[in-house]
Amino acid sequence: MRLPVLLLLLLAAAAAEAATLSARMVHRLSYEARLAAGARGGQWPRRGSGDYYRALVRSDLQRQKRLVVGKYKLLSFSQDGSAFSPGNDFGWLYYTWVDVGTPNTSFLVALDTGSDLFWVPCDCIQCASLSAYHGSLDRDLGIYKPSESTTSRHLPCSHELCSLGSGCTNPKQPCPYNIDYFSENTTSSGLLIEDMLYLDSRDGHAPVKASVIIGCGRRQSGTYLDGIAPDGLLGLGMADISVPSFLARAGLVWNSFSICFNKDDSGRIFFGDQGVPTQQSTPFVPLNGKLQTYAVNVDKSCIGHKCTEGGSFLALVDSGTSFTSLPLVVYKTITMEFNKQINASRATFDDIDFEYCYRTSPLEMPDVPTITLTFAENKSFQAIYPIFPLNDRQGELAGFCLAVLRSPEPVGIIGQNFLVGYHVVFDREIMKLGWHRSECHDLENITTVPLGPSQNNSPEDPLPSNEQQTSPAVTPAVAGRAPASSGSAALQKLLANSNMLLLLTMSTVLVIS
């Protein structure tokens, strides 16, 4: 009996040895790493040289800064971190004032979690005309002139963040940039500049200066010439070139930021904000094999009291997209169930591309079924304003549409209309999205004004019960589109199909014939 047992043990040991995996370790400043980095690696120091050891020390210091709490608890562009939507003239996006350069110049930039680069109009060859906006804001829009800033310097082509450096004839020449955005024929191009960005630490001390990379946008096209982000775009994405990345690498704040959009078109943005202990959260997940966007996995969707099973999908959380888009199968399930539960007559309105629209009046507004997205561990996100009201020529409510679009691809977008009413935290240190309900009025020490207290210690967005739930019929903060700078071909198709909605959102009041 011992022989078979011994044989089995030998076979098990052999199988374990055969299953052992190995990988070759490569030092970050080695020749192999340099070859892997290619042209984007810039100038690599010779092993054993003074530059080599200085690079190691600099890397260690940056790592130490990331491992400890930032120097400041919170940073923002103003004392109260205010953001706002100026309305029709700016495409309904949310904006904030930022100060750049020495002496500083103010710019009103659009907030976009779907792109990375922070750019402003600069030494213009083709930029949006700013004269039409004079007098309509509390300060004039600006044009950036690097030559007049004593703290500016051109980023050389040899810099590691110069993505187009391989096309330069000289490694010391200024680094160019050229970004094709999702909207048709919409681009921004120019040169990359390093300069000072001014922030407020909310402690009453002098402004905090942070060195960041800015796109000197010399030539814009498409929607950037038609009212969308005429004074620049603040990309808040995950890439190393984004402003949140610079602030975290400098050890100024925790590698996180938050945005809050309210139904009255006011809002807030804070860097270093980790939210509150009671918020819900879900991890960011890879898209196309890379963890480089704010993508989350939606396990299922609930409409009113009914939840769908087996309808999981990936979705990007994008503050620069007007309306939430869903993969085709999920879209059909949600819209058909919504139509089944809504007590209203379906209708078609001129120049409206939404598929599920209904006639109503201020006196006959029906209960609107809730739409809830459910993530891992039953964490749920209930859209507070899932509908888009339509007014007649007298400004009276005449109808509404379910403000959700169909995506021809399996990737969805959680757009700005679903983010309204929430304090949303993009924690890039632990790679999680957090959220809790807020009206954004009082964020002192990141305290919020809840829309409604939790009952019996239940979560803010409990999963629907068998009892019908309703959403308030209030006009959402409709956003224009500040497209993302990077993404898959699938997303390009999705946003291209949404182009006509840009024209829709450029009207202050939707007038029904």
Protein backbone atom coordinates (compact mmCIF):
# COMPACT_ATOMS: atom_id res chain seq x y z
CA MET A 1 0.00 0.00 0.00
CA ARG A 2 2.95 2.33 0.52
CA LEU A 3 4.11 2.25 -3.11
CA PRO A 4 0.97 3.86 -4.62
CA VAL A 5 0.98 6.54 -1.91
CA LEU A 6 4.65 7.32 -2.59
CA LEU A 7 3.95 7.43 -6.32
CA LEU A 8 1.08 9.86 -5.80
CA LEU A 9 3.26 12.14 -3.69
CA LEU A 10 5.98 12.17 -6.34
CA LEU A 11 3.45 12.96 -9.07
CA ALA A 12 1.95 15.80 -6.99
CA ALA A 13 5.40 17.28 -6.36
CA ALA A 14 6.23 17.09 -10.07
CA ALA A 15 2.94 18.76 -10.99
CA ALA A 16 3.54 21.56 -8.48
CA GLU A 17 7.02 22.15 -9.90
CA ALA A 18 5.66 22.18 -13.44
CA ALA A 19 2.98 24.73 -12.44
CA THR A 20 5.51 27.14 -10.96
CA LEU A 21 5.52 30.46 -12.82
CA SER A 22 8.48 32.81 -13.08
CA ALA A 23 9.11 36.30 -14.40
CA ARG A 24 12.29 38.21 -15.12
CA MET A 25 12.82 41.28 -12.94
CA VAL A 26 14.09 44.43 -14.66
CA HIS A 27 15.46 47.50 -12.86
CA ARG A 28 13.62 50.69 -13.74
CA LEU A 29 16.83 52.39 -14.97
CA SER A 30 18.29 49.34 -16.72
CA TYR A 31 19.12 49.02 -20.41
CA GLU A 32 16.16 46.63 -20.86
CA ALA A 33 13.77 49.17 -19.33
CA ARG A 34 15.16 51.86 -21.61
CA LEU A 35 14.53 49.71 -24.69
CA ALA A 36 10.97 48.99 -23.49
CA ALA A 37 10.28 52.70 -22.99
CA GLY A 38 11.44 53.54 -26.50
CA ALA A 39 11.38 57.13 -27.68
CA ARG A 40 9.06 58.19 -24.86
CA GLY A 41 11.73 57.35 -22.28
CA GLY A 42 13.63 60.60 -22.88
CA GLN A 43 17.27 60.91 -21.77
CA TRP A 44 18.37 57.98 -19.57
CA PRO A 45 21.36 58.43 -17.22
CA ARG A 46 24.43 56.24 -17.62
CA ARG A 47 24.59 53.53 -14.98
CA GLY A 48 26.85 54.53 -12.07
CA SER A 49 26.94 58.21 -13.04
CA GLY A 50 25.94 61.09 -10.80
CA ASP A 51 22.74 61.58 -12.82
CA TYR A 52 21.94 57.89 -12.31
CA TYR A 53 22.04 58.13 -8.51
CA ARG A 54 20.23 61.49 -8.51
CA ALA A 55 17.42 59.85 -10.52
CA LEU A 56 17.16 57.05 -7.95
CA VAL A 57 17.00 59.52 -5.05
CA ARG A 58 14.41 61.67 -6.85
CA SER A 59 12.27 58.57 -7.48
CA ASP A 60 12.51 57.55 -3.81
CA LEU A 61 11.49 61.03 -2.64
CA GLN A 62 8.48 61.03 -4.95
CA ARG A 63 7.46 57.62 -3.64
CA GLN A 64 7.74 58.82 -0.04
CA LYS A 65 5.51 61.78 -0.84
CA ARG A 66 2.87 59.46 -2.24
CA LEU A 67 3.00 57.12 0.76
CA VAL A 68 2.27 59.83 3.33
CA VAL A 69 -0.69 62.17 3.68
CA GLY A 70 -0.31 65.30 1.53
CA LYS A 71 0.92 68.58 2.91
CA TYR A 72 -2.62 70.00 2.64
CA LYS A 73 -5.88 68.31 3.51
CA LEU A 74 -7.71 69.98 0.64
CA LEU A 75 -6.85 72.24 -2.26
CA SER A 76 -9.19 74.06 -4.60
CA PHE A 77 -9.14 76.95 -7.04
CA SER A 78 -11.03 79.22 -4.64
CA GLN A 79 -11.85 79.36 -0.94
CA ASP A 80 -15.12 77.49 -1.40
CA GLY A 81 -14.03 75.33 -4.34
CA SER A 82 -16.89 76.68 -6.42
CA ALA A 83 -17.79 75.49 -9.89
CA PHE A 84 -20.83 76.48 -11.92
CA SER A 85 -22.64 76.11 -15.21
CA PRO A 86 -22.92 79.51 -16.96
CA GLY A 87 -25.68 78.18 -19.20
CA ASN A 88 -26.37 78.37 -22.90
CA ASP A 89 -23.39 80.50 -23.96
CA PHE A 90 -20.99 77.88 -22.64
CA GLY A 91 -22.78 74.72 -23.75
CA TRP A 92 -24.17 73.94 -20.27
CA LEU A 93 -20.91 72.43 -19.03
CA TYR A 94 -19.61 72.98 -15.48
CA TYR A 95 -16.69 75.40 -15.22
CA THR A 96 -14.32 76.85 -12.63
CA TRP A 97 -11.92 79.81 -12.59
CA VAL A 98 -8.20 78.97 -12.50
CA ASP A 99 -5.14 81.26 -12.27
CA VAL A 100 -1.97 80.50 -14.23
CA GLY A 101 1.44 82.13 -14.67
CA THR A 102 3.41 84.99 -13.11
CA PRO A 103 1.78 87.46 -13.00
CA ASN A 104 -1.32 85.30 -12.94
CA THR A 105 -4.02 85.27 -15.62
CA SER A 106 -7.53 83.90 -15.00
CA PHE A 107 -9.22 81.32 -17.21
CA LEU A 108 -12.70 79.83 -17.06
CA VAL A 109 -12.09 76.15 -17.83
CA ALA A 110 -14.55 73.28 -18.32
CA LEU A 111 -14.29 70.32 -15.94
CA ASP A 112 -13.82 66.98 -17.72
CA THR A 113 -13.04 63.65 -16.05
CA GLY A 114 -12.95 62.03 -19.50
CA SER A 115 -9.73 63.72 -20.69
CA ASP A 116 -6.24 64.36 -19.31
CA LEU A 117 -4.63 67.55 -20.60
CA PHE A 118 -5.20 71.00 -19.09
CA TRP A 119 -5.12 73.48 -21.99
CA VAL A 120 -6.03 77.15 -22.47
CA PRO A 121 -6.14 79.44 -25.53
CA CYS A 122 -2.62 80.70 -26.10
CA ASP A 123 -0.71 82.65 -28.78
CA CYS A 124 -3.73 81.97 -30.94
CA ILE A 125 -3.73 81.01 -34.59
CA GLN A 126 -7.33 79.74 -34.41
CA CYS A 127 -9.19 80.11 -31.11
CA ALA A 128 -12.76 80.86 -30.06
CA SER A 129 -13.66 84.54 -30.05
CA LEU A 130 -13.90 85.76 -26.45
CA SER A 131 -15.29 89.24 -27.14
CA ALA A 132 -18.91 88.03 -26.99
CA TYR A 133 -18.47 87.04 -23.34
CA HIS A 134 -17.18 90.38 -22.05
CA GLY A 135 -19.43 91.77 -19.35
CA SER A 136 -21.41 88.56 -18.90
CA LEU A 137 -19.10 87.20 -16.15
CA ASP A 138 -17.49 88.63 -13.03
CA ARG A 139 -14.15 88.81 -14.90
CA ASP A 140 -12.99 88.70 -18.48
CA LEU A 141 -11.84 85.52 -20.18
CA GLY A 142 -8.11 85.31 -20.75
CA ILE A 143 -5.53 84.43 -23.40
CA TYR A 144 -2.35 82.79 -22.12
CA LYS A 145 0.95 84.36 -23.22
CA PRO A 146 3.88 82.24 -21.99
CA SER A 147 6.38 84.93 -22.99
CA GLU A 148 4.81 87.28 -20.42
CA SER A 149 5.00 84.77 -17.55
CA THR A 150 8.31 84.76 -15.69
CA THR A 151 7.71 81.21 -14.44
CA SER A 152 6.91 79.57 -17.79
CA ARG A 153 9.19 77.34 -19.80
CA HIS A 154 8.66 75.21 -22.88
CA LEU A 155 8.60 71.48 -22.28
CA PRO A 156 11.40 69.93 -24.36
CA CYS A 157 10.78 67.03 -26.70
CA SER A 158 13.07 64.90 -24.54
CA HIS A 159 10.69 65.14 -21.55
CA GLU A 160 9.07 61.86 -20.50
CA LEU A 161 5.59 63.42 -20.79
CA CYS A 162 6.12 64.56 -24.38
CA SER A 163 4.10 61.92 -26.23
CA LEU A 164 4.96 63.38 -29.66
CA GLY A 165 8.68 63.62 -28.86
CA SER A 166 9.60 60.94 -31.39
CA GLY A 167 8.55 63.29 -34.18
CA CYS A 168 10.85 66.11 -33.08
CA THR A 169 14.02 66.86 -35.05
CA ASN A 170 15.80 68.12 -31.93
CA PRO A 171 15.27 66.78 -28.38
CA LYS A 172 15.54 70.34 -27.03
CA GLN A 173 12.85 71.88 -29.21
CA PRO A 174 9.41 72.67 -27.66
CA CYS A 175 7.15 69.64 -27.33
CA PRO A 176 4.04 69.79 -29.54
CA TYR A 177 0.65 68.29 -28.71
CA ASN A 178 -2.31 67.44 -30.90
CA ILE A 179 -5.50 65.94 -29.48
CA ASP A 180 -8.42 64.64 -31.54
CA TYR A 181 -11.55 64.67 -29.37
CA PHE A 182 -14.60 62.48 -29.84
CA SER A 183 -16.90 65.14 -31.25
CA GLU A 184 -16.67 65.47 -35.00
CA ASN A 185 -13.71 67.57 -36.21
CA THR A 186 -12.99 68.78 -32.66
CA THR A 187 -9.29 69.20 -31.89
CA SER A 188 -6.82 71.19 -29.83
CA SER A 189 -3.16 71.58 -30.75
CA GLY A 190 -0.18 73.66 -29.75
CA LEU A 191 2.83 73.40 -27.46
CA LEU A 192 3.29 72.05 -23.93
CA ILE A 193 4.37 74.62 -21.31
CA GLU A 194 5.39 74.18 -17.69
CA ASP A 195 4.09 76.99 -15.47
CA MET A 196 2.56 77.78 -12.08
CA LEU A 197 -1.03 76.95 -11.13
CA TYR A 198 -2.46 78.75 -8.09
CA LEU A 199 -4.65 76.97 -5.54
CA ASP A 200 -6.32 77.77 -2.22
CA SER A 201 -5.67 75.65 0.87
CA ARG A 202 -8.73 77.05 2.72
CA ASP A 203 -6.60 77.92 5.77
CA GLY A 204 -6.31 81.63 5.02
CA HIS A 205 -2.61 81.47 4.12
CA ALA A 206 -0.93 82.53 0.91
CA PRO A 207 -1.99 80.77 -2.31
CA VAL A 208 -0.38 77.41 -2.98
CA LYS A 209 1.74 77.28 -6.12
CA ALA A 210 2.00 74.05 -8.10
CA SER A 211 4.12 73.47 -11.17
CA VAL A 212 1.98 71.78 -13.86
CA ILE A 213 2.05 71.17 -17.59
CA ILE A 214 -0.33 73.30 -19.61
CA GLY A 215 -1.33 72.95 -23.22
CA CYS A 216 -0.69 76.24 -25.00
CA GLY A 217 -3.68 75.82 -27.29
CA ARG A 218 -2.77 77.75 -30.43
CA ARG A 219 -5.31 76.10 -32.72
CA GLN A 220 -8.77 74.75 -31.82
CA SER A 221 -11.49 73.38 -34.09
CA GLY A 222 -15.02 71.98 -34.03
CA THR A 223 -17.17 72.55 -30.96
CA TYR A 224 -14.34 74.46 -29.24
CA LEU A 225 -15.05 77.29 -31.69
CA ASP A 226 -18.82 77.12 -31.11
CA GLY A 227 -19.19 77.89 -27.40
CA ILE A 228 -17.89 74.72 -25.76
CA ALA A 229 -14.93 75.49 -23.45
CA PRO A 230 -13.94 78.73 -25.24
CA ASP A 231 -11.41 79.56 -22.49
CA GLY A 232 -9.92 76.10 -21.99
CA LEU A 233 -10.46 72.60 -20.64
CA LEU A 234 -9.31 71.08 -17.35
CA GLY A 235 -8.65 67.39 -17.97
CA LEU A 236 -9.00 65.43 -14.72
CA GLY A 237 -8.10 61.97 -16.04
CA MET A 238 -5.67 59.37 -14.71
CA ALA A 239 -2.70 60.14 -16.97
CA ASP A 240 0.54 61.53 -15.51
CA ILE A 241 0.01 64.81 -17.38
CA SER A 242 -3.27 65.69 -15.61
CA VAL A 243 -3.46 68.29 -12.83
CA PRO A 244 -4.55 65.77 -10.11
CA SER A 245 -1.47 63.67 -10.96
CA PHE A 246 0.89 66.65 -10.59
CA LEU A 247 -0.59 67.68 -7.25
CA ALA A 248 -0.27 64.15 -5.84
CA ARG A 249 3.29 63.59 -7.12
CA ALA A 250 4.36 66.87 -5.52
CA GLY A 251 3.05 65.62 -2.17
CA LEU A 252 0.59 68.49 -1.87
CA VAL A 253 -2.57 66.41 -1.38
CA TRP A 254 -3.81 62.84 -1.26
CA ASN A 255 -4.13 61.40 -4.77
CA SER A 256 -7.86 62.02 -4.98
CA PHE A 257 -10.36 64.69 -5.98
CA SER A 258 -14.10 65.25 -5.80
CA ILE A 259 -16.75 67.00 -7.84
CA CYS A 260 -20.26 67.92 -6.80
CA PHE A 261 -22.96 69.15 -9.19
CA ASN A 262 -26.24 70.57 -7.89
CA LYS A 263 -29.56 70.95 -9.69
CA ASP A 264 -29.31 74.77 -9.44
CA ASP A 265 -26.19 74.71 -11.69
CA SER A 266 -23.80 75.31 -8.77
CA GLY A 267 -21.02 72.91 -7.88
CA ARG A 268 -17.72 72.25 -6.12
CA ILE A 269 -14.34 70.71 -6.92
CA PHE A 270 -11.69 69.77 -4.32
CA PHE A 271 -8.30 68.06 -4.64
CA GLY A 272 -7.26 65.68 -1.86
CA ASP A 273 -10.86 64.94 -0.90
CA GLN A 274 -11.43 61.33 0.16
CA GLY A 275 -15.12 61.81 0.91
CA VAL A 276 -16.86 60.71 4.09
CA PRO A 277 -16.82 57.35 5.93
CA THR A 278 -20.48 56.71 5.12
CA GLN A 279 -20.13 57.03 1.35
CA GLN A 280 -20.56 54.06 -0.96
CA SER A 281 -17.78 53.02 -3.31
CA THR A 282 -16.80 50.68 -6.11
CA PRO A 283 -13.38 49.95 -7.65
CA PHE A 284 -12.16 51.28 -10.98
CA VAL A 285 -11.62 48.48 -13.49
CA PRO A 286 -9.41 48.11 -16.60
CA LEU A 287 -10.74 49.17 -19.98
CA ASN A 288 -9.15 47.49 -22.99
CA GLY A 289 -6.73 45.80 -20.59
CA LYS A 290 -5.45 49.03 -19.04
CA LEU A 291 -6.38 50.81 -15.82
CA GLN A 292 -6.24 54.30 -17.30
CA THR A 293 -9.80 55.62 -17.17
CA TYR A 294 -12.53 56.04 -14.56
CA ALA A 295 -14.31 52.87 -15.65
CA VAL A 296 -16.54 50.89 -13.28
CA ASN A 297 -18.39 47.61 -13.59
CA VAL A 298 -22.19 47.76 -13.29
CA ASP A 299 -23.56 44.41 -12.13
CA LYS A 300 -27.24 45.10 -12.76
CA SER A 301 -29.83 47.84 -13.21
CA CYS A 302 -33.13 48.41 -11.41
CA ILE A 303 -36.17 50.29 -12.66
CA GLY A 304 -38.60 51.10 -9.90
CA HIS A 305 -39.24 47.83 -8.08
CA LYS A 306 -37.82 45.53 -10.76
CA CYS A 307 -34.14 44.60 -11.18
CA THR A 308 -32.54 43.02 -14.25
CA GLU A 309 -30.23 40.06 -13.87
CA GLY A 310 -27.32 39.23 -16.13
CA GLY A 311 -27.07 42.75 -17.55
CA SER A 312 -23.59 43.67 -16.35
CA PHE A 313 -21.52 46.16 -18.36
CA LEU A 314 -18.55 48.52 -18.14
CA ALA A 315 -19.22 52.24 -17.89
CA LEU A 316 -17.02 55.34 -17.91
CA VAL A 317 -17.77 58.04 -15.34
CA ASP A 318 -17.47 61.19 -17.45
CA SER A 319 -18.44 64.65 -16.17
CA GLY A 320 -18.09 66.03 -19.69
CA THR A 321 -20.80 63.89 -21.29
CA SER A 322 -24.33 65.26 -21.23
CA PHE A 323 -26.40 62.12 -20.93
CA THR A 324 -25.88 58.60 -19.68
CA SER A 325 -25.48 55.98 -22.42
CA LEU A 326 -26.17 52.27 -22.03
CA PRO A 327 -25.18 49.22 -24.09
CA LEU A 328 -27.95 48.17 -26.46
CA VAL A 329 -29.27 45.15 -24.53
CA VAL A 330 -29.27 47.06 -21.22
CA TYR A 331 -30.81 50.10 -22.90
CA LYS A 332 -33.71 48.06 -24.29
CA THR A 333 -34.35 46.37 -20.95
CA ILE A 334 -34.36 49.63 -18.97
CA THR A 335 -36.37 51.71 -21.43
CA MET A 336 -39.03 49.05 -21.98
CA GLU A 337 -39.46 48.49 -18.25
CA PHE A 338 -39.53 52.26 -17.65
CA ASN A 339 -42.21 52.63 -20.34
CA LYS A 340 -44.21 49.81 -18.74
CA GLN A 341 -44.15 51.46 -15.30
CA ILE A 342 -44.67 55.12 -16.24
CA ASN A 343 -48.28 56.28 -16.15
CA ALA A 344 -48.10 58.67 -19.11
CA SER A 345 -48.84 58.75 -22.83
CA ARG A 346 -45.82 58.28 -25.05
CA ALA A 347 -45.31 61.06 -27.59
CA THR A 348 -42.95 62.34 -30.28
CA PHE A 349 -41.62 65.89 -30.23
CA ASP A 350 -40.00 67.81 -33.07
CA ASP A 351 -36.18 67.94 -33.06
CA ILE A 352 -35.94 65.63 -30.04
CA ASP A 353 -33.80 62.54 -30.52
CA PHE A 354 -34.69 60.79 -27.26
CA GLU A 355 -36.68 57.64 -27.96
CA TYR A 356 -38.91 57.51 -24.88
CA CYS A 357 -40.77 60.83 -24.47
CA TYR A 358 -44.15 61.56 -22.86
CA ARG A 359 -46.74 64.33 -22.82
CA THR A 360 -47.71 65.84 -19.49
CA SER A 361 -48.50 69.15 -17.78
CA PRO A 362 -47.53 70.85 -14.50
CA LEU A 363 -50.77 69.56 -12.98
CA GLU A 364 -50.50 66.01 -14.34
CA MET A 365 -46.87 65.08 -13.78
CA PRO A 366 -46.79 61.33 -13.08
CA ASP A 367 -44.55 59.50 -10.65
CA VAL A 368 -41.28 58.71 -12.40
CA PRO A 369 -39.79 55.25 -11.76
CA THR A 370 -36.33 55.34 -10.27
CA ILE A 371 -33.28 54.08 -12.17
CA THR A 372 -30.64 52.46 -9.97
CA LEU A 373 -27.26 51.09 -11.02
CA THR A 374 -25.91 48.33 -8.77
CA PHE A 375 -22.21 47.59 -8.36
CA ALA A 376 -20.24 44.90 -6.52
CA GLU A 377 -21.37 44.04 -2.98
CA ASN A 378 -24.80 45.53 -3.72
CA LYS A 379 -23.48 49.11 -3.71
CA SER A 380 -26.12 51.14 -5.52
CA PHE A 381 -26.29 54.48 -7.31
CA GLN A 382 -29.76 55.91 -7.89
CA ALA A 383 -30.10 58.51 -10.63
CA ILE A 384 -31.85 61.47 -9.01
CA TYR A 385 -32.71 63.25 -12.28
CA PRO A 386 -33.12 60.59 -15.02
CA ILE A 387 -35.59 62.62 -17.10
CA PHE A 388 -35.28 65.66 -19.34
CA PRO A 389 -38.29 68.05 -19.08
CA LEU A 390 -39.61 69.86 -22.17
CA ASN A 391 -41.25 73.29 -21.98
CA ASP A 392 -43.70 74.96 -24.34
CA ARG A 393 -43.39 78.52 -25.69
CA GLN A 394 -44.83 79.92 -22.46
CA GLY A 395 -42.25 78.09 -20.39
CA GLU A 396 -44.77 75.62 -19.01
CA LEU A 397 -44.00 71.92 -18.66
CA ALA A 398 -45.39 70.11 -21.72
CA GLY A 399 -43.57 66.80 -21.63
CA PHE A 400 -40.44 64.93 -20.66
CA CYS A 401 -38.04 62.32 -21.99
CA LEU A 402 -36.05 59.56 -20.38
CA ALA A 403 -32.57 61.12 -20.73
CA VAL A 404 -30.71 57.92 -21.56
CA LEU A 405 -29.07 57.07 -24.90
CA ARG A 406 -28.34 53.75 -26.54
CA SER A 407 -24.74 52.71 -27.13
CA PRO A 408 -23.96 50.48 -30.12
CA GLU A 409 -21.03 49.04 -28.17
CA PRO A 410 -20.78 47.15 -24.85
CA VAL A 411 -19.28 50.18 -23.03
CA GLY A 412 -21.61 52.67 -21.37
CA ILE A 413 -21.10 56.18 -20.00
CA ILE A 414 -22.39 57.48 -16.67
CA GLY A 415 -22.86 61.07 -17.78
CA GLN A 416 -23.38 64.35 -16.02
CA ASN A 417 -27.16 64.02 -15.75
CA PHE A 418 -26.73 61.00 -13.44
CA LEU A 419 -24.02 62.75 -11.37
CA VAL A 420 -26.21 65.72 -10.41
CA GLY A 421 -27.18 65.57 -6.74
CA TYR A 422 -24.08 63.65 -5.66
CA HIS A 423 -20.70 64.37 -4.13
CA VAL A 424 -18.52 62.07 -6.27
CA VAL A 425 -15.00 61.13 -5.18
CA PHE A 426 -12.35 59.89 -7.62
CA ASP A 427 -9.84 58.27 -5.25
CA ARG A 428 -6.90 57.39 -7.47
CA GLU A 429 -4.74 56.24 -4.55
CA ILE A 430 -6.96 53.27 -3.75
CA MET A 431 -8.52 53.22 -7.25
CA LYS A 432 -12.12 53.59 -6.15
CA LEU A 433 -15.12 55.72 -7.05
CA GLY A 434 -17.05 57.01 -4.02
CA TRP A 435 -20.37 58.81 -3.81
CA HIS A 436 -22.94 60.18 -1.40
CA ARG A 437 -25.91 62.47 -1.86
CA SER A 438 -25.32 66.18 -1.46
CA GLU A 439 -26.67 69.55 -2.53
CA CYS A 440 -23.11 70.95 -2.57
CA HIS A 441 -24.07 74.02 -0.52
CA ASP A 442 -21.87 73.38 2.49
CA LEU A 443 -18.73 71.35 1.99
CA GLU A 444 -16.75 72.86 4.88
CA ASN A 445 -14.56 70.02 6.13
CA ILE A 446 -16.38 67.92 3.54
CA THR A 447 -19.68 67.93 5.34
CA THR A 448 -22.73 67.65 3.15
CA VAL A 449 -26.36 68.55 3.16
CA PRO A 450 -28.11 65.20 2.59
CA LEU A 451 -31.16 65.11 0.36
CA GLY A 452 -32.81 62.74 2.78
CA PRO A 453 -31.78 60.86 5.92
CA SER A 454 -31.21 57.13 5.85
CA GLN A 455 -33.94 55.14 7.53
CA ASN A 456 -33.07 52.46 10.09
CA ASN A 457 -29.38 52.72 9.21
CA SER A 458 -30.12 51.61 5.66
CA PRO A 459 -27.77 52.70 2.85
CA GLU A 460 -28.43 55.99 1.05
CA ASP A 461 -29.51 54.17 -2.13
CA PRO A 462 -31.14 50.92 -1.01
CA LEU A 463 -32.08 48.41 -3.67
CA PRO A 464 -35.67 48.80 -4.81
CA SER A 465 -38.34 47.00 -2.85
CA ASN A 466 -41.64 45.78 -4.19
CA GLU A 467 -43.06 49.20 -3.46
CA GLN A 468 -42.96 51.69 -6.35
CA GLN A 469 -40.23 54.32 -6.00
CA THR A 470 -40.30 57.72 -7.65
CA SER A 471 -37.89 60.45 -8.68
CA PRO A 472 -38.63 64.19 -8.52
CA ALA A 473 -39.55 65.83 -11.82
CA VAL A 474 -36.95 68.58 -11.72
CA THR A 475 -34.95 69.96 -14.63
CA PRO A 476 -31.48 68.39 -14.64
CA ALA A 477 -28.32 70.43 -15.12
CA VAL A 478 -27.98 69.65 -18.82
CA ALA A 479 -24.37 69.60 -19.94
CA GLY A 480 -22.80 70.16 -23.31
CA ARG A 481 -20.06 67.80 -24.42
CA ALA A 482 -16.40 68.36 -23.56
CA PRO A 483 -15.11 65.22 -25.25
CA ALA A 484 -12.47 62.90 -23.88
CA SER A 485 -8.97 62.87 -25.25
CA SER A 486 -8.39 59.14 -25.25
CA GLY A 487 -10.49 56.02 -25.55
CA SER A 488 -11.50 53.09 -27.70
CA ALA A 489 -13.00 53.14 -31.17
CA ALA A 490 -16.19 51.85 -29.59
CA LEU A 491 -16.53 55.00 -27.53
CA GLN A 492 -15.79 57.15 -30.57
CA LYS A 493 -18.73 55.53 -32.35
CA LEU A 494 -20.93 56.04 -29.31
CA LEU A 495 -20.22 59.75 -28.98
CA ALA A 496 -20.38 60.28 -32.73
CA ASN A 497 -23.93 58.96 -32.66
CA SER A 498 -24.69 61.50 -29.92
CA ASN A 499 -23.55 64.49 -31.97
CA MET A 500 -27.03 65.82 -32.68
CA LEU A 501 -27.64 66.17 -28.94
CA LEU A 502 -25.05 68.92 -28.85
CA LEU A 503 -27.39 71.06 -30.91
CA LEU A 504 -30.21 70.14 -28.56
CA THR A 505 -28.36 71.30 -25.47
CA MET A 506 -27.36 74.64 -26.98
CA SER A 507 -30.87 76.02 -26.42
CA THR A 508 -31.79 77.58 -23.11
CA VAL A 509 -35.40 76.42 -23.32
CA LEU A 510 -36.57 73.58 -25.52
CA VAL A 511 -39.56 74.97 -27.36
CA ILE A 512 -42.17 72.55 -28.59
CA SER A 513 -44.02 73.37 -31.76
